[in-house]
Amino acid sequence: MPRDRFVDNYLGHLLGQANHALYKDFDSQVRARGLSPIEWRVLATLQDSEPLTVSQLAHEVLAKQPTVTKLVQRMAEQGWVVLQADAADQRRTLVAVTPAGRRLVKPLVEAAKQHEARMLRALGATEKAALRKLLEKIAHPA
């Protein structure tokens, strides 16, 4: 099929397709563990991070702050995260993963690493490094 349509070469479309390809098979593993995709992103973000404010977490997981506020309250009820007032600013809430949340997400993090390696096996080490560097530049322009 000729690649002369606009979307076939549009970076946003290609990135979206790559993102879909990366997550479509892994999503079933996330759901099998009883997590929604956004719960997975929250736990994956927090599992090796210092506590984050709700707004920082929302930015990291690509969601709106009110959505993340409600989500982390439910996750706290599940025992996966703990919410605490920020000592520096009592108006802000910090979110941290609990040992139970870390135990839940640890096998998924390992599975995600393996899945990513399978998805990228057609690329050489130099290509993988270049891809990460370029995506980082796009995601976080100077």
N, C-alpha and C. Protein backbone atom coordinates (compact mmCIF):
# COMPACT_ATOMS: atom_id res chain seq x y z
N MET A 1 0.85 -1.18 0.00
CA MET A 1 0.00 0.00 0.00
C MET A 1 0.90 1.25 0.00
N PRO A 2 0.67 2.16 -0.91
CA PRO A 2 1.51 3.36 -0.95
C PRO A 2 1.33 4.22 0.31
N ARG A 3 2.44 4.84 0.73
CA ARG A 3 2.43 5.66 1.94
C ARG A 3 2.39 7.14 1.55
N ASP A 4 1.34 7.55 0.84
CA ASP A 4 1.27 8.94 0.42
C ASP A 4 0.15 9.70 1.11
N ARG A 5 -0.57 9.05 2.00
CA ARG A 5 -1.59 9.76 2.76
C ARG A 5 -0.90 10.61 3.84
N PHE A 6 -1.49 11.73 4.19
CA PHE A 6 -0.94 12.61 5.21
C PHE A 6 -0.66 11.85 6.50
N VAL A 7 -1.63 11.08 7.00
CA VAL A 7 -1.48 10.43 8.30
C VAL A 7 -0.37 9.38 8.31
N ASP A 8 -0.06 8.82 7.15
CA ASP A 8 0.97 7.79 7.10
C ASP A 8 2.35 8.31 7.45
N ASN A 9 2.56 9.60 7.31
CA ASN A 9 3.84 10.20 7.61
C ASN A 9 3.76 11.26 8.71
N TYR A 10 2.57 11.45 9.26
CA TYR A 10 2.37 12.46 10.31
C TYR A 10 2.90 11.91 11.63
N LEU A 11 3.82 12.64 12.23
CA LEU A 11 4.49 12.17 13.44
C LEU A 11 3.50 11.83 14.56
N GLY A 12 2.50 12.66 14.77
CA GLY A 12 1.52 12.38 15.82
C GLY A 12 0.81 11.06 15.59
N HIS A 13 0.47 10.78 14.35
CA HIS A 13 -0.19 9.53 14.00
C HIS A 13 0.76 8.34 14.22
N LEU A 14 2.00 8.49 13.77
CA LEU A 14 2.97 7.41 13.93
C LEU A 14 3.26 7.14 15.41
N LEU A 15 3.39 8.20 16.20
CA LEU A 15 3.61 8.01 17.64
C LEU A 15 2.41 7.34 18.29
N GLY A 16 1.21 7.74 17.88
CA GLY A 16 0.00 7.11 18.41
C GLY A 16 -0.06 5.63 18.06
N GLN A 17 0.29 5.30 16.83
CA GLN A 17 0.30 3.90 16.42
C GLN A 17 1.35 3.11 17.20
N ALA A 18 2.52 3.71 17.38
CA ALA A 18 3.58 3.03 18.14
C ALA A 18 3.14 2.82 19.59
N ASN A 19 2.52 3.82 20.17
CA ASN A 19 2.02 3.71 21.55
C ASN A 19 0.97 2.60 21.64
N HIS A 20 0.07 2.56 20.68
CA HIS A 20 -0.96 1.52 20.68
C HIS A 20 -0.33 0.13 20.55
N ALA A 21 0.64 0.01 19.65
CA ALA A 21 1.31 -1.28 19.47
C ALA A 21 2.02 -1.72 20.75
N LEU A 22 2.61 -0.78 21.44
CA LEU A 22 3.34 -1.09 22.66
C LEU A 22 2.40 -1.54 23.78
N TYR A 23 1.22 -0.91 23.89
CA TYR A 23 0.34 -1.20 25.01
C TYR A 23 -0.73 -2.25 24.75
N LYS A 24 -1.08 -2.50 23.49
CA LYS A 24 -2.25 -3.35 23.25
C LYS A 24 -2.10 -4.75 23.83
N ASP A 25 -0.95 -5.36 23.72
CA ASP A 25 -0.78 -6.71 24.27
C ASP A 25 -0.50 -6.67 25.77
N PHE A 26 0.20 -5.65 26.22
CA PHE A 26 0.54 -5.55 27.64
C PHE A 26 -0.68 -5.22 28.50
N ASP A 27 -1.64 -4.51 27.92
CA ASP A 27 -2.83 -4.10 28.66
C ASP A 27 -3.56 -5.29 29.29
N SER A 28 -3.57 -6.44 28.62
CA SER A 28 -4.26 -7.61 29.17
C SER A 28 -3.57 -8.10 30.45
N GLN A 29 -2.25 -7.96 30.53
CA GLN A 29 -1.52 -8.35 31.74
C GLN A 29 -1.87 -7.40 32.90
N VAL A 30 -2.00 -6.12 32.58
CA VAL A 30 -2.38 -5.13 33.59
C VAL A 30 -3.77 -5.46 34.13
N ARG A 31 -4.69 -5.70 33.24
CA ARG A 31 -6.08 -6.00 33.65
C ARG A 31 -6.17 -7.32 34.41
N ALA A 32 -5.33 -8.29 34.03
CA ALA A 32 -5.32 -9.58 34.72
C ALA A 32 -4.90 -9.42 36.18
N ARG A 33 -4.13 -8.40 36.49
CA ARG A 33 -3.71 -8.10 37.86
C ARG A 33 -4.75 -7.27 38.60
N GLY A 34 -5.86 -6.96 37.92
CA GLY A 34 -6.93 -6.21 38.56
C GLY A 34 -6.74 -4.70 38.53
N LEU A 35 -5.89 -4.23 37.63
CA LEU A 35 -5.63 -2.79 37.53
C LEU A 35 -6.16 -2.23 36.22
N SER A 36 -6.60 -0.98 36.28
CA SER A 36 -6.92 -0.25 35.06
C SER A 36 -5.61 0.31 34.50
N PRO A 37 -5.60 0.72 33.24
CA PRO A 37 -4.37 1.30 32.70
C PRO A 37 -3.86 2.51 33.50
N ILE A 38 -4.75 3.36 33.97
CA ILE A 38 -4.28 4.53 34.72
C ILE A 38 -3.77 4.13 36.11
N GLU A 39 -4.38 3.13 36.73
CA GLU A 39 -3.86 2.64 38.01
C GLU A 39 -2.45 2.07 37.82
N TRP A 40 -2.24 1.35 36.72
CA TRP A 40 -0.92 0.82 36.39
C TRP A 40 0.08 1.97 36.25
N ARG A 41 -0.30 3.02 35.51
CA ARG A 41 0.63 4.13 35.31
C ARG A 41 0.96 4.82 36.63
N VAL A 42 -0.03 4.96 37.52
CA VAL A 42 0.22 5.57 38.83
C VAL A 42 1.20 4.72 39.63
N LEU A 43 0.94 3.42 39.74
CA LEU A 43 1.82 2.55 40.53
C LEU A 43 3.20 2.43 39.90
N ALA A 44 3.27 2.35 38.57
CA ALA A 44 4.56 2.25 37.90
C ALA A 44 5.38 3.52 38.13
N THR A 45 4.70 4.66 38.16
CA THR A 45 5.38 5.94 38.40
C THR A 45 5.88 6.04 39.83
N LEU A 46 5.06 5.62 40.78
CA LEU A 46 5.39 5.79 42.19
C LEU A 46 6.32 4.71 42.74
N GLN A 47 6.39 3.55 42.11
CA GLN A 47 7.08 2.41 42.70
C GLN A 47 8.56 2.65 42.95
N ASP A 48 9.18 3.55 42.22
CA ASP A 48 10.59 3.86 42.48
C ASP A 48 10.81 5.37 42.55
N SER A 49 9.81 6.06 43.09
CA SER A 49 9.83 7.51 43.16
C SER A 49 9.61 7.98 44.58
N GLU A 50 10.08 9.16 44.86
CA GLU A 50 9.70 9.84 46.10
C GLU A 50 8.21 10.16 45.99
N PRO A 51 7.54 10.43 47.12
CA PRO A 51 6.13 10.84 47.03
C PRO A 51 5.98 12.05 46.11
N LEU A 52 4.91 12.07 45.36
CA LEU A 52 4.63 13.16 44.42
C LEU A 52 3.34 13.85 44.82
N THR A 53 3.24 15.13 44.48
CA THR A 53 1.96 15.81 44.68
C THR A 53 0.98 15.26 43.66
N VAL A 54 -0.29 15.45 43.92
CA VAL A 54 -1.31 14.98 42.99
C VAL A 54 -1.11 15.64 41.62
N SER A 55 -0.78 16.93 41.61
CA SER A 55 -0.58 17.59 40.31
C SER A 55 0.64 17.04 39.58
N GLN A 56 1.73 16.76 40.30
CA GLN A 56 2.90 16.15 39.66
C GLN A 56 2.54 14.77 39.10
N LEU A 57 1.81 14.01 39.89
CA LEU A 57 1.41 12.66 39.46
C LEU A 57 0.51 12.73 38.24
N ALA A 58 -0.44 13.66 38.24
CA ALA A 58 -1.33 13.82 37.09
C ALA A 58 -0.52 14.12 35.83
N HIS A 59 0.46 14.98 35.95
CA HIS A 59 1.33 15.31 34.81
C HIS A 59 2.08 14.06 34.34
N GLU A 60 2.61 13.30 35.27
CA GLU A 60 3.38 12.09 34.93
C GLU A 60 2.54 11.03 34.24
N VAL A 61 1.29 10.85 34.69
CA VAL A 61 0.45 9.77 34.14
C VAL A 61 -0.46 10.24 33.02
N LEU A 62 -0.27 11.50 32.60
CA LEU A 62 -1.01 12.05 31.46
C LEU A 62 -2.52 12.07 31.70
N ALA A 63 -2.91 12.56 32.87
CA ALA A 63 -4.33 12.63 33.21
C ALA A 63 -4.62 13.97 33.87
N LYS A 64 -5.89 14.31 33.96
CA LYS A 64 -6.29 15.56 34.60
C LYS A 64 -6.24 15.41 36.11
N GLN A 65 -5.92 16.51 36.78
CA GLN A 65 -5.76 16.47 38.23
C GLN A 65 -7.02 15.98 38.96
N PRO A 66 -8.23 16.45 38.61
CA PRO A 66 -9.42 15.94 39.33
C PRO A 66 -9.58 14.42 39.18
N THR A 67 -9.25 13.90 38.01
CA THR A 67 -9.33 12.46 37.78
C THR A 67 -8.36 11.72 38.69
N VAL A 68 -7.13 12.23 38.78
CA VAL A 68 -6.10 11.59 39.60
C VAL A 68 -6.44 11.73 41.08
N THR A 69 -7.01 12.85 41.48
CA THR A 69 -7.41 13.04 42.88
C THR A 69 -8.39 11.94 43.30
N LYS A 70 -9.43 11.72 42.49
CA LYS A 70 -10.42 10.68 42.79
C LYS A 70 -9.78 9.29 42.74
N LEU A 71 -8.94 9.09 41.74
CA LEU A 71 -8.29 7.79 41.56
C LEU A 71 -7.43 7.43 42.76
N VAL A 72 -6.57 8.35 43.21
CA VAL A 72 -5.67 8.01 44.31
C VAL A 72 -6.44 7.83 45.61
N GLN A 73 -7.58 8.48 45.76
CA GLN A 73 -8.41 8.23 46.94
C GLN A 73 -8.91 6.79 46.93
N ARG A 74 -9.36 6.32 45.77
CA ARG A 74 -9.80 4.92 45.65
C ARG A 74 -8.63 3.96 45.85
N MET A 75 -7.48 4.31 45.30
CA MET A 75 -6.30 3.45 45.44
C MET A 75 -5.83 3.41 46.90
N ALA A 76 -6.02 4.49 47.62
CA ALA A 76 -5.68 4.52 49.06
C ALA A 76 -6.61 3.57 49.82
N GLU A 77 -7.89 3.55 49.44
CA GLU A 77 -8.84 2.63 50.07
C GLU A 77 -8.46 1.18 49.81
N GLN A 78 -7.84 0.92 48.65
CA GLN A 78 -7.37 -0.43 48.30
C GLN A 78 -6.09 -0.78 49.05
N GLY A 79 -5.43 0.24 49.62
CA GLY A 79 -4.17 0.00 50.32
C GLY A 79 -2.95 0.04 49.42
N TRP A 80 -3.11 0.55 48.19
CA TRP A 80 -2.01 0.58 47.23
C TRP A 80 -1.16 1.83 47.34
N VAL A 81 -1.77 2.93 47.79
CA VAL A 81 -1.05 4.20 47.97
C VAL A 81 -1.48 4.78 49.31
N VAL A 82 -0.68 5.73 49.77
CA VAL A 82 -1.01 6.47 50.98
C VAL A 82 -0.97 7.95 50.63
N LEU A 83 -1.92 8.69 51.18
CA LEU A 83 -1.99 10.13 50.96
C LEU A 83 -1.55 10.83 52.23
N GLN A 84 -0.73 11.84 52.07
CA GLN A 84 -0.25 12.57 53.23
C GLN A 84 -0.14 14.05 52.89
N ALA A 85 -0.35 14.89 53.90
CA ALA A 85 -0.20 16.33 53.69
C ALA A 85 1.27 16.64 53.46
N ASP A 86 1.54 17.57 52.57
CA ASP A 86 2.90 18.03 52.30
C ASP A 86 3.33 18.92 53.46
N ALA A 87 4.39 18.57 54.16
CA ALA A 87 4.86 19.35 55.31
C ALA A 87 5.22 20.77 54.91
N ALA A 88 5.67 20.95 53.67
CA ALA A 88 6.06 22.29 53.20
C ALA A 88 4.85 23.14 52.82
N ASP A 89 3.74 22.51 52.49
CA ASP A 89 2.54 23.24 52.07
C ASP A 89 1.33 22.36 52.36
N GLN A 90 0.64 22.65 53.45
CA GLN A 90 -0.48 21.82 53.92
C GLN A 90 -1.63 21.74 52.90
N ARG A 91 -1.64 22.63 51.93
CA ARG A 91 -2.71 22.60 50.92
C ARG A 91 -2.47 21.49 49.90
N ARG A 92 -1.25 21.01 49.82
CA ARG A 92 -0.90 19.98 48.83
C ARG A 92 -0.91 18.60 49.47
N THR A 93 -1.34 17.64 48.69
CA THR A 93 -1.35 16.24 49.12
C THR A 93 -0.26 15.48 48.38
N LEU A 94 0.52 14.73 49.13
CA LEU A 94 1.54 13.87 48.55
C LEU A 94 1.00 12.45 48.43
N VAL A 95 1.39 11.78 47.38
CA VAL A 95 0.97 10.39 47.15
C VAL A 95 2.22 9.53 47.13
N ALA A 96 2.19 8.45 47.90
CA ALA A 96 3.30 7.50 47.95
C ALA A 96 2.75 6.10 47.80
N VAL A 97 3.53 5.22 47.20
CA VAL A 97 3.14 3.83 47.07
C VAL A 97 3.35 3.13 48.42
N THR A 98 2.48 2.19 48.72
CA THR A 98 2.62 1.38 49.93
C THR A 98 3.37 0.09 49.58
N PRO A 99 3.82 -0.64 50.58
CA PRO A 99 4.43 -1.95 50.29
C PRO A 99 3.48 -2.85 49.49
N ALA A 100 2.19 -2.81 49.80
CA ALA A 100 1.21 -3.63 49.06
C ALA A 100 1.14 -3.19 47.60
N GLY A 101 1.16 -1.88 47.36
CA GLY A 101 1.14 -1.38 45.99
C GLY A 101 2.40 -1.76 45.24
N ARG A 102 3.53 -1.71 45.94
CA ARG A 102 4.81 -2.08 45.33
C ARG A 102 4.81 -3.58 44.98
N ARG A 103 4.29 -4.41 45.87
CA ARG A 103 4.22 -5.86 45.59
C ARG A 103 3.31 -6.14 44.39
N LEU A 104 2.22 -5.39 44.30
CA LEU A 104 1.28 -5.58 43.19
C LEU A 104 1.91 -5.21 41.85
N VAL A 105 2.66 -4.11 41.83
CA VAL A 105 3.16 -3.60 40.56
C VAL A 105 4.50 -4.20 40.15
N LYS A 106 5.27 -4.73 41.10
CA LYS A 106 6.61 -5.24 40.78
C LYS A 106 6.62 -6.26 39.64
N PRO A 107 5.77 -7.30 39.67
CA PRO A 107 5.79 -8.25 38.55
C PRO A 107 5.38 -7.61 37.23
N LEU A 108 4.50 -6.61 37.29
CA LEU A 108 4.10 -5.92 36.06
C LEU A 108 5.24 -5.08 35.49
N VAL A 109 6.03 -4.46 36.36
CA VAL A 109 7.18 -3.69 35.89
C VAL A 109 8.15 -4.63 35.17
N GLU A 110 8.39 -5.79 35.76
CA GLU A 110 9.28 -6.77 35.10
C GLU A 110 8.69 -7.23 33.78
N ALA A 111 7.39 -7.49 33.76
CA ALA A 111 6.72 -7.91 32.52
C ALA A 111 6.79 -6.79 31.48
N ALA A 112 6.65 -5.53 31.92
CA ALA A 112 6.72 -4.40 31.00
C ALA A 112 8.10 -4.30 30.37
N LYS A 113 9.13 -4.52 31.17
CA LYS A 113 10.50 -4.48 30.64
C LYS A 113 10.70 -5.57 29.59
N GLN A 114 10.20 -6.77 29.88
CA GLN A 114 10.33 -7.88 28.92
C GLN A 114 9.53 -7.59 27.65
N HIS A 115 8.32 -7.06 27.83
CA HIS A 115 7.47 -6.73 26.68
C HIS A 115 8.15 -5.67 25.80
N GLU A 116 8.69 -4.64 26.45
CA GLU A 116 9.39 -3.60 25.70
C GLU A 116 10.57 -4.18 24.92
N ALA A 117 11.32 -5.05 25.56
CA ALA A 117 12.47 -5.67 24.89
C ALA A 117 12.01 -6.46 23.66
N ARG A 118 10.89 -7.18 23.78
CA ARG A 118 10.36 -7.93 22.63
C ARG A 118 9.94 -6.97 21.52
N MET A 119 9.28 -5.87 21.90
CA MET A 119 8.79 -4.91 20.91
C MET A 119 9.95 -4.23 20.17
N LEU A 120 11.07 -4.06 20.85
CA LEU A 120 12.20 -3.34 20.26
C LEU A 120 13.30 -4.25 19.73
N ARG A 121 13.05 -5.56 19.71
CA ARG A 121 14.13 -6.48 19.32
C ARG A 121 14.61 -6.29 17.89
N ALA A 122 13.79 -5.70 17.03
CA ALA A 122 14.22 -5.46 15.65
C ALA A 122 15.21 -4.29 15.54
N LEU A 123 15.34 -3.53 16.62
CA LEU A 123 16.25 -2.38 16.61
C LEU A 123 17.58 -2.76 17.24
N GLY A 124 18.64 -2.20 16.71
CA GLY A 124 19.95 -2.39 17.31
C GLY A 124 20.10 -1.47 18.51
N ALA A 125 21.15 -1.66 19.28
CA ALA A 125 21.39 -0.87 20.48
C ALA A 125 21.48 0.62 20.18
N THR A 126 22.14 0.96 19.08
CA THR A 126 22.28 2.37 18.69
C THR A 126 20.92 2.96 18.33
N GLU A 127 20.11 2.19 17.62
CA GLU A 127 18.77 2.67 17.25
C GLU A 127 17.90 2.85 18.48
N LYS A 128 17.96 1.92 19.42
CA LYS A 128 17.18 2.04 20.66
C LYS A 128 17.58 3.29 21.42
N ALA A 129 18.87 3.51 21.55
CA ALA A 129 19.35 4.71 22.26
C ALA A 129 18.92 5.98 21.54
N ALA A 130 19.01 5.97 20.22
CA ALA A 130 18.61 7.14 19.43
C ALA A 130 17.11 7.39 19.56
N LEU A 131 16.32 6.32 19.52
CA LEU A 131 14.87 6.46 19.66
C LEU A 131 14.52 7.08 21.01
N ARG A 132 15.10 6.58 22.08
CA ARG A 132 14.83 7.14 23.41
C ARG A 132 15.24 8.61 23.49
N LYS A 133 16.40 8.92 22.93
CA LYS A 133 16.90 10.29 22.98
C LYS A 133 15.98 11.23 22.20
N LEU A 134 15.56 10.81 21.01
CA LEU A 134 14.68 11.63 20.20
C LEU A 134 13.31 11.82 20.85
N LEU A 135 12.76 10.75 21.39
CA LEU A 135 11.46 10.86 22.06
C LEU A 135 11.55 11.77 23.28
N GLU A 136 12.65 11.69 24.00
CA GLU A 136 12.88 12.56 25.16
C GLU A 136 12.92 14.03 24.72
N LYS A 137 13.59 14.30 23.59
CA LYS A 137 13.66 15.67 23.07
C LYS A 137 12.28 16.20 22.70
N ILE A 138 11.46 15.33 22.11
CA ILE A 138 10.12 15.74 21.72
C ILE A 138 9.25 15.95 22.96
N ALA A 139 9.34 15.03 23.91
CA ALA A 139 8.50 15.09 25.11
C ALA A 139 8.89 16.25 26.02
N HIS A 140 10.18 16.56 26.06
CA HIS A 140 10.68 17.60 26.99
C HIS A 140 11.60 18.56 26.25
N PRO A 141 11.02 19.41 25.38
CA PRO A 141 11.87 20.33 24.62
C PRO A 141 12.58 21.32 25.56
N ALA A 142 13.77 21.70 25.16
CA ALA A 142 14.58 22.62 25.99
C ALA A 142 14.01 24.03 25.96
